[in-house]
Amino acid sequence: MSAQPKQMSPSAEGEGEPDKRLRLEDVRLKIGETVQLQSTAERDPPRQYVKLIGYAKGRSFIVTTPIQDGGYLLVRDGLGYVVRMFAGKNIYAFSASVIRSANTPYPHLHLTYPDEVVARVVRGGERVDVRLIASVDNGSGRPVPATVENLSSSGGGLHSRSQLGAVGAELKLGFKLELDGISRVLSIAAVIRIAQPSVTTEGEWLTGVECREIEAEPRLLLSGYIYRALAESVG
């Protein structure tokens, strides 16, 4: 689900509504929001997650210093980043560089304040490519292994070595998600909307499912996971 950063200013890719360009102060971010930083100085840099501390219009965008292997990273002044975050149903991105890396009264970074941010609207059914090991209860009396290959807040696509059921059949799908240090096995009721043999591998099946009503907590985790994956494609 990763995407290499572009050297130009961030932009959203894919179909759907065109990107919007906003002032940062119009985004109405909340203090404590998770912010993704990706260095522009490396060929395939990791994505680092920090927290928003605050921002001063026209002066700086302030975040916590990234942590790696239990310790704060040494970040040099002038280092460039692509900055991404999601809030509500939007993903935002902009380019910035480090004005000052400070250690007092706690480790934090002052980034350049952007002239504008790129906003991408996340459609409700927008899917992300994943590869998650899943267990399917289709009423056969024993769990059937499968792989979740794409995922949205309303459904997903499964690959399996046997047919999971006919169109219209109900099943229960279990898989693990990890987000911001939270790891949880989700159990989601779904109905089969597509069931067809694989065109590339004989004897295997592709199944499209639509999720039934999902409880609040797992729904938030699922939405956050999908938005985070979509954020990685912006910029």
C-alpha atoms as a PDB file:
ATOM      1  CA  MET A   1       0.000   0.000   0.000  1.00  0.00           C
ATOM      2  CA  SER A   2       2.965   2.248  -0.106  1.00  0.00           C
ATOM      3  CA  ALA A   3       3.657   4.894  -2.709  1.00  0.00           C
ATOM      4  CA  GLN A   4       6.916   6.657  -3.395  1.00  0.00           C
ATOM      5  CA  PRO A   5       6.815  10.421  -2.780  1.00  0.00           C
ATOM      6  CA  LYS A   6       6.942  12.797  -5.713  1.00  0.00           C
ATOM      7  CA  GLN A   7       9.478  15.590  -5.885  1.00  0.00           C
ATOM      8  CA  MET A   8       6.822  18.139  -6.840  1.00  0.00           C
ATOM      9  CA  SER A   9       4.120  19.497  -4.584  1.00  0.00           C
ATOM     10  CA  PRO A  10       1.668  16.913  -3.214  1.00  0.00           C
ATOM     11  CA  SER A  11      -1.340  15.949  -5.247  1.00  0.00           C
ATOM     12  CA  ALA A  12      -4.045  13.326  -5.019  1.00  0.00           C
ATOM     13  CA  GLU A  13      -4.162  10.506  -7.525  1.00  0.00           C
ATOM     14  CA  GLY A  14      -6.987   8.381  -8.851  1.00  0.00           C
ATOM     15  CA  GLU A  15     -10.489   8.971 -10.028  1.00  0.00           C
ATOM     16  CA  GLY A  16     -13.200  10.880  -8.197  1.00  0.00           C
ATOM     17  CA  GLU A  17     -13.650  14.491  -7.231  1.00  0.00           C
ATOM     18  CA  PRO A  18     -10.820  16.830  -8.257  1.00  0.00           C
ATOM     19  CA  ASP A  19      -8.349  17.989  -5.635  1.00  0.00           C
ATOM     20  CA  LYS A  20      -9.158  21.126  -3.705  1.00  0.00           C
ATOM     21  CA  ARG A  21      -6.568  23.630  -2.545  1.00  0.00           C
ATOM     22  CA  LEU A  22      -7.232  25.225   0.814  1.00  0.00           C
ATOM     23  CA  ARG A  23      -5.566  27.361   3.416  1.00  0.00           C
ATOM     24  CA  LEU A  24      -4.371  25.346   6.380  1.00  0.00           C
ATOM     25  CA  GLU A  25      -6.422  27.448   8.795  1.00  0.00           C
ATOM     26  CA  ASP A  26      -9.589  26.433   6.902  1.00  0.00           C
ATOM     27  CA  VAL A  27      -8.958  22.731   7.549  1.00  0.00           C
ATOM     28  CA  ARG A  28      -9.823  23.077  11.262  1.00  0.00           C
ATOM     29  CA  LEU A  29      -7.420  20.449  12.489  1.00  0.00           C
ATOM     30  CA  LYS A  30      -7.591  19.360  16.111  1.00  0.00           C
ATOM     31  CA  ILE A  31      -4.599  19.369  18.414  1.00  0.00           C
ATOM     32  CA  GLY A  32      -3.436  15.797  18.914  1.00  0.00           C
ATOM     33  CA  GLU A  33      -4.350  14.688  15.372  1.00  0.00           C
ATOM     34  CA  THR A  34      -2.065  12.049  13.871  1.00  0.00           C
ATOM     35  CA  VAL A  35       0.218  13.453  11.156  1.00  0.00           C
ATOM     36  CA  GLN A  36       2.259  11.405   8.684  1.00  0.00           C
ATOM     37  CA  LEU A  37       5.734  12.611   7.705  1.00  0.00           C
ATOM     38  CA  GLN A  38       7.661  11.234   4.741  1.00  0.00           C
ATOM     39  CA  SER A  39      11.146  12.521   4.023  1.00  0.00           C
ATOM     40  CA  THR A  40      11.884  13.795   0.523  1.00  0.00           C
ATOM     41  CA  ALA A  41      15.626  13.171   1.005  1.00  0.00           C
ATOM     42  CA  GLU A  42      15.406   9.374   0.578  1.00  0.00           C
ATOM     43  CA  ARG A  43      14.482   7.178  -2.364  1.00  0.00           C
ATOM     44  CA  ASP A  44      11.979   4.987  -0.511  1.00  0.00           C
ATOM     45  CA  PRO A  45      11.560   6.596   2.904  1.00  0.00           C
ATOM     46  CA  PRO A  46       9.460   5.120   5.695  1.00  0.00           C
ATOM     47  CA  ARG A  47       6.317   6.882   6.829  1.00  0.00           C
ATOM     48  CA  GLN A  48       6.624   8.260  10.322  1.00  0.00           C
ATOM     49  CA  TYR A  49       3.633   9.110  12.485  1.00  0.00           C
ATOM     50  CA  VAL A  50       3.668  12.064  14.877  1.00  0.00           C
ATOM     51  CA  LYS A  51       1.114  14.215  16.698  1.00  0.00           C
ATOM     52  CA  LEU A  52       0.047  17.762  15.892  1.00  0.00           C
ATOM     53  CA  ILE A  53       0.977  20.127  18.727  1.00  0.00           C
ATOM     54  CA  GLY A  54      -0.209  23.346  17.100  1.00  0.00           C
ATOM     55  CA  TYR A  55       0.370  25.873  14.356  1.00  0.00           C
ATOM     56  CA  ALA A  56       0.880  29.623  14.054  1.00  0.00           C
ATOM     57  CA  LYS A  57      -0.555  31.133  10.860  1.00  0.00           C
ATOM     58  CA  GLY A  58       2.195  32.088   8.457  1.00  0.00           C
ATOM     59  CA  ARG A  59       4.936  30.996  10.857  1.00  0.00           C
ATOM     60  CA  SER A  60       5.157  27.257  11.621  1.00  0.00           C
ATOM     61  CA  PHE A  61       3.369  23.917  11.820  1.00  0.00           C
ATOM     62  CA  ILE A  62       4.416  22.167  15.046  1.00  0.00           C
ATOM     63  CA  VAL A  63       4.542  18.386  15.552  1.00  0.00           C
ATOM     64  CA  THR A  64       6.191  15.935  17.908  1.00  0.00           C
ATOM     65  CA  THR A  65       9.575  14.526  16.895  1.00  0.00           C
ATOM     66  CA  PRO A  66       9.334  11.098  15.193  1.00  0.00           C
ATOM     67  CA  ILE A  67      10.194   8.054  17.301  1.00  0.00           C
ATOM     68  CA  GLN A  68      12.015   5.006  15.974  1.00  0.00           C
ATOM     69  CA  ASP A  69      13.028   1.880  17.914  1.00  0.00           C
ATOM     70  CA  GLY A  70      11.907   3.521  21.132  1.00  0.00           C
ATOM     71  CA  GLY A  71      14.001   6.678  20.758  1.00  0.00           C
ATOM     72  CA  TYR A  72      13.573  10.112  19.199  1.00  0.00           C
ATOM     73  CA  LEU A  73      15.107  10.564  15.755  1.00  0.00           C
ATOM     74  CA  LEU A  74      17.781  13.170  15.161  1.00  0.00           C
ATOM     75  CA  VAL A  75      16.167  15.481  12.610  1.00  0.00           C
ATOM     76  CA  ARG A  76      18.305  18.133  10.952  1.00  0.00           C
ATOM     77  CA  ASP A  77      17.063  21.628  10.220  1.00  0.00           C
ATOM     78  CA  GLY A  78      16.147  22.064   6.559  1.00  0.00           C
ATOM     79  CA  LEU A  79      15.010  18.456   6.021  1.00  0.00           C
ATOM     80  CA  GLY A  80      12.091  18.294   3.589  1.00  0.00           C
ATOM     81  CA  TYR A  81       8.912  16.333   4.218  1.00  0.00           C
ATOM     82  CA  VAL A  82       5.645  15.500   2.548  1.00  0.00           C
ATOM     83  CA  VAL A  83       3.087  16.004   5.304  1.00  0.00           C
ATOM     84  CA  ARG A  84      -0.191  14.075   5.221  1.00  0.00           C
ATOM     85  CA  MET A  85      -3.151  13.819   7.570  1.00  0.00           C
ATOM     86  CA  PHE A  86      -6.787  12.858   7.467  1.00  0.00           C
ATOM     87  CA  ALA A  87      -9.719  14.530   9.180  1.00  0.00           C
ATOM     88  CA  GLY A  88     -13.382  13.766   8.678  1.00  0.00           C
ATOM     89  CA  LYS A  89     -13.734  12.379   5.166  1.00  0.00           C
ATOM     90  CA  ASN A  90     -10.797  14.291   3.712  1.00  0.00           C
ATOM     91  CA  ILE A  91      -7.096  13.642   3.302  1.00  0.00           C
ATOM     92  CA  TYR A  92      -4.769  16.638   3.324  1.00  0.00           C
ATOM     93  CA  ALA A  93      -1.196  16.952   2.088  1.00  0.00           C
ATOM     94  CA  PHE A  94       1.468  19.629   1.698  1.00  0.00           C
ATOM     95  CA  SER A  95       5.224  19.988   1.398  1.00  0.00           C
ATOM     96  CA  ALA A  96       7.265  21.457   4.254  1.00  0.00           C
ATOM     97  CA  SER A  97      10.788  21.659   5.606  1.00  0.00           C
ATOM     98  CA  VAL A  98      12.122  21.712   9.154  1.00  0.00           C
ATOM     99  CA  ILE A  99      12.668  25.233  10.472  1.00  0.00           C
ATOM    100  CA  ARG A 100      13.887  24.069  13.863  1.00  0.00           C
ATOM    101  CA  SER A 101      14.292  20.725  15.611  1.00  0.00           C
ATOM    102  CA  ALA A 102      14.006  21.425  19.340  1.00  0.00           C
ATOM    103  CA  ASN A 103      14.490  19.258  22.433  1.00  0.00           C
ATOM    104  CA  THR A 104      13.077  21.578  25.100  1.00  0.00           C
ATOM    105  CA  PRO A 105      10.761  21.522  26.861  1.00  0.00           C
ATOM    106  CA  TYR A 106      10.187  18.264  24.930  1.00  0.00           C
ATOM    107  CA  PRO A 107      11.281  17.006  21.481  1.00  0.00           C
ATOM    108  CA  HIS A 108       9.296  18.709  18.719  1.00  0.00           C
ATOM    109  CA  LEU A 109       9.658  20.086  15.195  1.00  0.00           C
ATOM    110  CA  HIS A 110       8.730  23.447  13.720  1.00  0.00           C
ATOM    111  CA  LEU A 111       7.866  22.922  10.035  1.00  0.00           C
ATOM    112  CA  THR A 112       7.348  25.646   7.440  1.00  0.00           C
ATOM    113  CA  TYR A 113       3.764  26.858   7.277  1.00  0.00           C
ATOM    114  CA  PRO A 114       2.224  25.940   3.897  1.00  0.00           C
ATOM    115  CA  ASP A 115       0.790  28.483   1.494  1.00  0.00           C
ATOM    116  CA  GLU A 116      -1.909  25.920   0.733  1.00  0.00           C
ATOM    117  CA  VAL A 117      -2.801  22.290   1.316  1.00  0.00           C
ATOM    118  CA  VAL A 118      -4.167  19.753  -1.169  1.00  0.00           C
ATOM    119  CA  ALA A 119      -7.444  18.176  -0.061  1.00  0.00           C
ATOM    120  CA  ARG A 120      -8.794  14.909  -1.390  1.00  0.00           C
ATOM    121  CA  VAL A 121     -12.332  13.806  -0.613  1.00  0.00           C
ATOM    122  CA  VAL A 122     -12.541  10.133   0.321  1.00  0.00           C
ATOM    123  CA  ARG A 123     -15.587   8.537  -1.233  1.00  0.00           C
ATOM    124  CA  GLY A 124     -17.561   6.203   1.019  1.00  0.00           C
ATOM    125  CA  GLY A 125     -16.921   3.126  -1.107  1.00  0.00           C
ATOM    126  CA  GLU A 126     -13.326   3.904  -2.091  1.00  0.00           C
ATOM    127  CA  ARG A 127     -11.163   0.794  -1.820  1.00  0.00           C
ATOM    128  CA  VAL A 128      -7.531   0.211  -0.962  1.00  0.00           C
ATOM    129  CA  ASP A 129      -5.362  -2.706  -2.008  1.00  0.00           C
ATOM    130  CA  VAL A 130      -4.399  -4.859   0.976  1.00  0.00           C
ATOM    131  CA  ARG A 131      -3.237  -8.365   1.724  1.00  0.00           C
ATOM    132  CA  LEU A 132      -4.801  -9.546   4.970  1.00  0.00           C
ATOM    133  CA  ILE A 133      -5.099 -13.131   6.150  1.00  0.00           C
ATOM    134  CA  ALA A 134      -8.741 -13.856   6.939  1.00  0.00           C
ATOM    135  CA  SER A 135     -10.949 -16.593   8.309  1.00  0.00           C
ATOM    136  CA  VAL A 136     -14.429 -17.008   6.869  1.00  0.00           C
ATOM    137  CA  ASP A 137     -17.393 -18.634   8.616  1.00  0.00           C
ATOM    138  CA  ASN A 138     -19.794 -19.520   5.823  1.00  0.00           C
ATOM    139  CA  GLY A 139     -21.900 -21.982   7.805  1.00  0.00           C
ATOM    140  CA  SER A 140     -19.994 -25.051   6.622  1.00  0.00           C
ATOM    141  CA  GLY A 141     -19.019 -25.976  10.177  1.00  0.00           C
ATOM    142  CA  ARG A 142     -15.348 -25.049   9.935  1.00  0.00           C
ATOM    143  CA  PRO A 143     -13.502 -21.812   9.137  1.00  0.00           C
ATOM    144  CA  VAL A 144     -12.357 -21.316   5.552  1.00  0.00           C
ATOM    145  CA  PRO A 145      -9.033 -19.516   4.973  1.00  0.00           C
ATOM    146  CA  ALA A 146      -9.040 -16.572   2.582  1.00  0.00           C
ATOM    147  CA  THR A 147      -7.099 -13.417   1.737  1.00  0.00           C
ATOM    148  CA  VAL A 148      -8.625  -9.948   1.752  1.00  0.00           C
ATOM    149  CA  GLU A 149      -7.211  -8.276  -1.367  1.00  0.00           C
ATOM    150  CA  ASN A 150      -9.092  -4.977  -1.298  1.00  0.00           C
ATOM    151  CA  LEU A 151     -11.068  -3.222   1.389  1.00  0.00           C
ATOM    152  CA  SER A 152     -13.483  -0.327   1.850  1.00  0.00           C
ATOM    153  CA  SER A 153     -15.692   0.859   4.666  1.00  0.00           C
ATOM    154  CA  SER A 154     -18.611  -0.969   3.043  1.00  0.00           C
ATOM    155  CA  GLY A 155     -17.076  -4.190   1.718  1.00  0.00           C
ATOM    156  CA  GLY A 156     -14.126  -5.955   0.190  1.00  0.00           C
ATOM    157  CA  GLY A 157     -12.734  -8.523  -2.201  1.00  0.00           C
ATOM    158  CA  LEU A 158     -11.598 -11.996  -1.112  1.00  0.00           C
ATOM    159  CA  HIS A 159      -9.428 -14.630  -2.732  1.00  0.00           C
ATOM    160  CA  SER A 160      -9.824 -18.259  -1.637  1.00  0.00           C
ATOM    161  CA  ARG A 161      -9.034 -21.802  -2.749  1.00  0.00           C
ATOM    162  CA  SER A 162     -12.665 -22.838  -2.571  1.00  0.00           C
ATOM    163  CA  GLN A 163     -16.008 -21.200  -3.180  1.00  0.00           C
ATOM    164  CA  LEU A 164     -17.187 -19.301  -0.127  1.00  0.00           C
ATOM    165  CA  GLY A 165     -20.834 -19.339  -1.133  1.00  0.00           C
ATOM    166  CA  ALA A 166     -23.376 -18.244  -3.699  1.00  0.00           C
ATOM    167  CA  VAL A 167     -24.413 -14.669  -4.403  1.00  0.00           C
ATOM    168  CA  GLY A 168     -26.762 -13.553  -1.636  1.00  0.00           C
ATOM    169  CA  ALA A 169     -25.335 -15.935   0.980  1.00  0.00           C
ATOM    170  CA  GLU A 170     -24.303 -14.509   4.341  1.00  0.00           C
ATOM    171  CA  LEU A 171     -20.979 -15.114   6.037  1.00  0.00           C
ATOM    172  CA  LYS A 172     -18.827 -13.803   8.867  1.00  0.00           C
ATOM    173  CA  LEU A 173     -15.372 -12.491   8.045  1.00  0.00           C
ATOM    174  CA  GLY A 174     -12.561 -12.275  10.600  1.00  0.00           C
ATOM    175  CA  PHE A 175      -9.203 -10.510  10.109  1.00  0.00           C
ATOM    176  CA  LYS A 176      -6.707  -8.464  12.117  1.00  0.00           C
ATOM    177  CA  LEU A 177      -6.069  -4.746  11.673  1.00  0.00           C
ATOM    178  CA  GLU A 178      -3.319  -2.659  13.234  1.00  0.00           C
ATOM    179  CA  LEU A 179      -3.488   1.123  13.507  1.00  0.00           C
ATOM    180  CA  ASP A 180      -1.479   3.505  15.706  1.00  0.00           C
ATOM    181  CA  GLY A 181      -0.405   0.677  17.994  1.00  0.00           C
ATOM    182  CA  ILE A 182      -3.913  -0.746  18.257  1.00  0.00           C
ATOM    183  CA  SER A 183      -4.267  -4.343  17.113  1.00  0.00           C
ATOM    184  CA  ARG A 184      -7.672  -5.948  16.946  1.00  0.00           C
ATOM    185  CA  VAL A 185      -9.304  -8.907  15.241  1.00  0.00           C
ATOM    186  CA  LEU A 186     -12.481  -7.710  13.553  1.00  0.00           C
ATOM    187  CA  SER A 187     -15.464  -9.981  13.079  1.00  0.00           C
ATOM    188  CA  ILE A 188     -17.753  -8.567  10.397  1.00  0.00           C
ATOM    189  CA  ALA A 189     -21.028  -9.933   9.055  1.00  0.00           C
ATOM    190  CA  ALA A 190     -21.277  -9.654   5.278  1.00  0.00           C
ATOM    191  CA  VAL A 191     -23.287 -10.808   2.291  1.00  0.00           C
ATOM    192  CA  ILE A 192     -21.802 -12.125  -0.959  1.00  0.00           C
ATOM    193  CA  ARG A 193     -22.403  -9.858  -3.946  1.00  0.00           C
ATOM    194  CA  ILE A 194     -19.947 -11.406  -6.419  1.00  0.00           C
ATOM    195  CA  ALA A 195     -18.753 -15.024  -6.631  1.00  0.00           C
ATOM    196  CA  GLN A 196     -16.676 -16.108  -9.605  1.00  0.00           C
ATOM    197  CA  PRO A 197     -13.815 -18.475 -10.432  1.00  0.00           C
ATOM    198  CA  SER A 198     -10.376 -16.896 -10.708  1.00  0.00           C
ATOM    199  CA  VAL A 199      -9.337 -16.264 -14.306  1.00  0.00           C
ATOM    200  CA  THR A 200      -5.652 -16.621 -13.410  1.00  0.00           C
ATOM    201  CA  THR A 201      -5.568 -19.605 -11.054  1.00  0.00           C
ATOM    202  CA  GLU A 202      -7.630 -22.702 -11.770  1.00  0.00           C
ATOM    203  CA  GLY A 203      -9.711 -23.951  -8.865  1.00  0.00           C
ATOM    204  CA  GLU A 204      -9.557 -20.683  -6.896  1.00  0.00           C
ATOM    205  CA  TRP A 205     -12.305 -18.123  -6.303  1.00  0.00           C
ATOM    206  CA  LEU A 206     -12.819 -14.381  -6.138  1.00  0.00           C
ATOM    207  CA  THR A 207     -15.605 -13.187  -3.864  1.00  0.00           C
ATOM    208  CA  GLY A 208     -16.935  -9.658  -3.390  1.00  0.00           C
ATOM    209  CA  VAL A 209     -18.760  -8.974  -0.136  1.00  0.00           C
ATOM    210  CA  GLU A 210     -20.839  -6.140   1.272  1.00  0.00           C
ATOM    211  CA  CYS A 211     -20.563  -5.494   4.997  1.00  0.00           C
ATOM    212  CA  ARG A 212     -23.639  -5.570   7.191  1.00  0.00           C
ATOM    213  CA  GLU A 213     -24.046  -3.041  10.017  1.00  0.00           C
ATOM    214  CA  ILE A 214     -20.728  -2.697  11.886  1.00  0.00           C
ATOM    215  CA  GLU A 215     -20.530  -1.657  15.529  1.00  0.00           C
ATOM    216  CA  ALA A 216     -19.089   1.776  16.336  1.00  0.00           C
ATOM    217  CA  GLU A 217     -15.638   0.805  17.639  1.00  0.00           C
ATOM    218  CA  PRO A 218     -14.628  -1.607  14.857  1.00  0.00           C
ATOM    219  CA  ARG A 219     -16.144   0.778  12.300  1.00  0.00           C
ATOM    220  CA  LEU A 220     -13.869   3.572  13.520  1.00  0.00           C
ATOM    221  CA  LEU A 221     -10.826   1.300  13.368  1.00  0.00           C
ATOM    222  CA  LEU A 222     -11.744   0.114   9.868  1.00  0.00           C
ATOM    223  CA  SER A 223     -12.345   3.672   8.614  1.00  0.00           C
ATOM    224  CA  GLY A 224      -9.079   4.888  10.147  1.00  0.00           C
ATOM    225  CA  TYR A 225      -7.155   2.042   8.545  1.00  0.00           C
ATOM    226  CA  ILE A 226      -8.636   2.760   5.117  1.00  0.00           C
ATOM    227  CA  TYR A 227      -8.094   6.512   5.372  1.00  0.00           C
ATOM    228  CA  ARG A 228      -4.500   5.932   6.469  1.00  0.00           C
ATOM    229  CA  ALA A 229      -3.867   3.686   3.458  1.00  0.00           C
ATOM    230  CA  LEU A 230      -5.480   6.230   1.125  1.00  0.00           C
ATOM    231  CA  ALA A 231      -3.351   8.987   2.658  1.00  0.00           C
ATOM    232  CA  GLU A 232      -0.252   7.122   1.540  1.00  0.00           C
ATOM    233  CA  SER A 233      -1.351   7.581  -2.066  1.00  0.00           C
ATOM    234  CA  VAL A 234      -1.628  11.363  -1.720  1.00  0.00           C
ATOM    235  CA  GLY A 235       1.520  13.325  -2.463  1.00  0.00           C
END
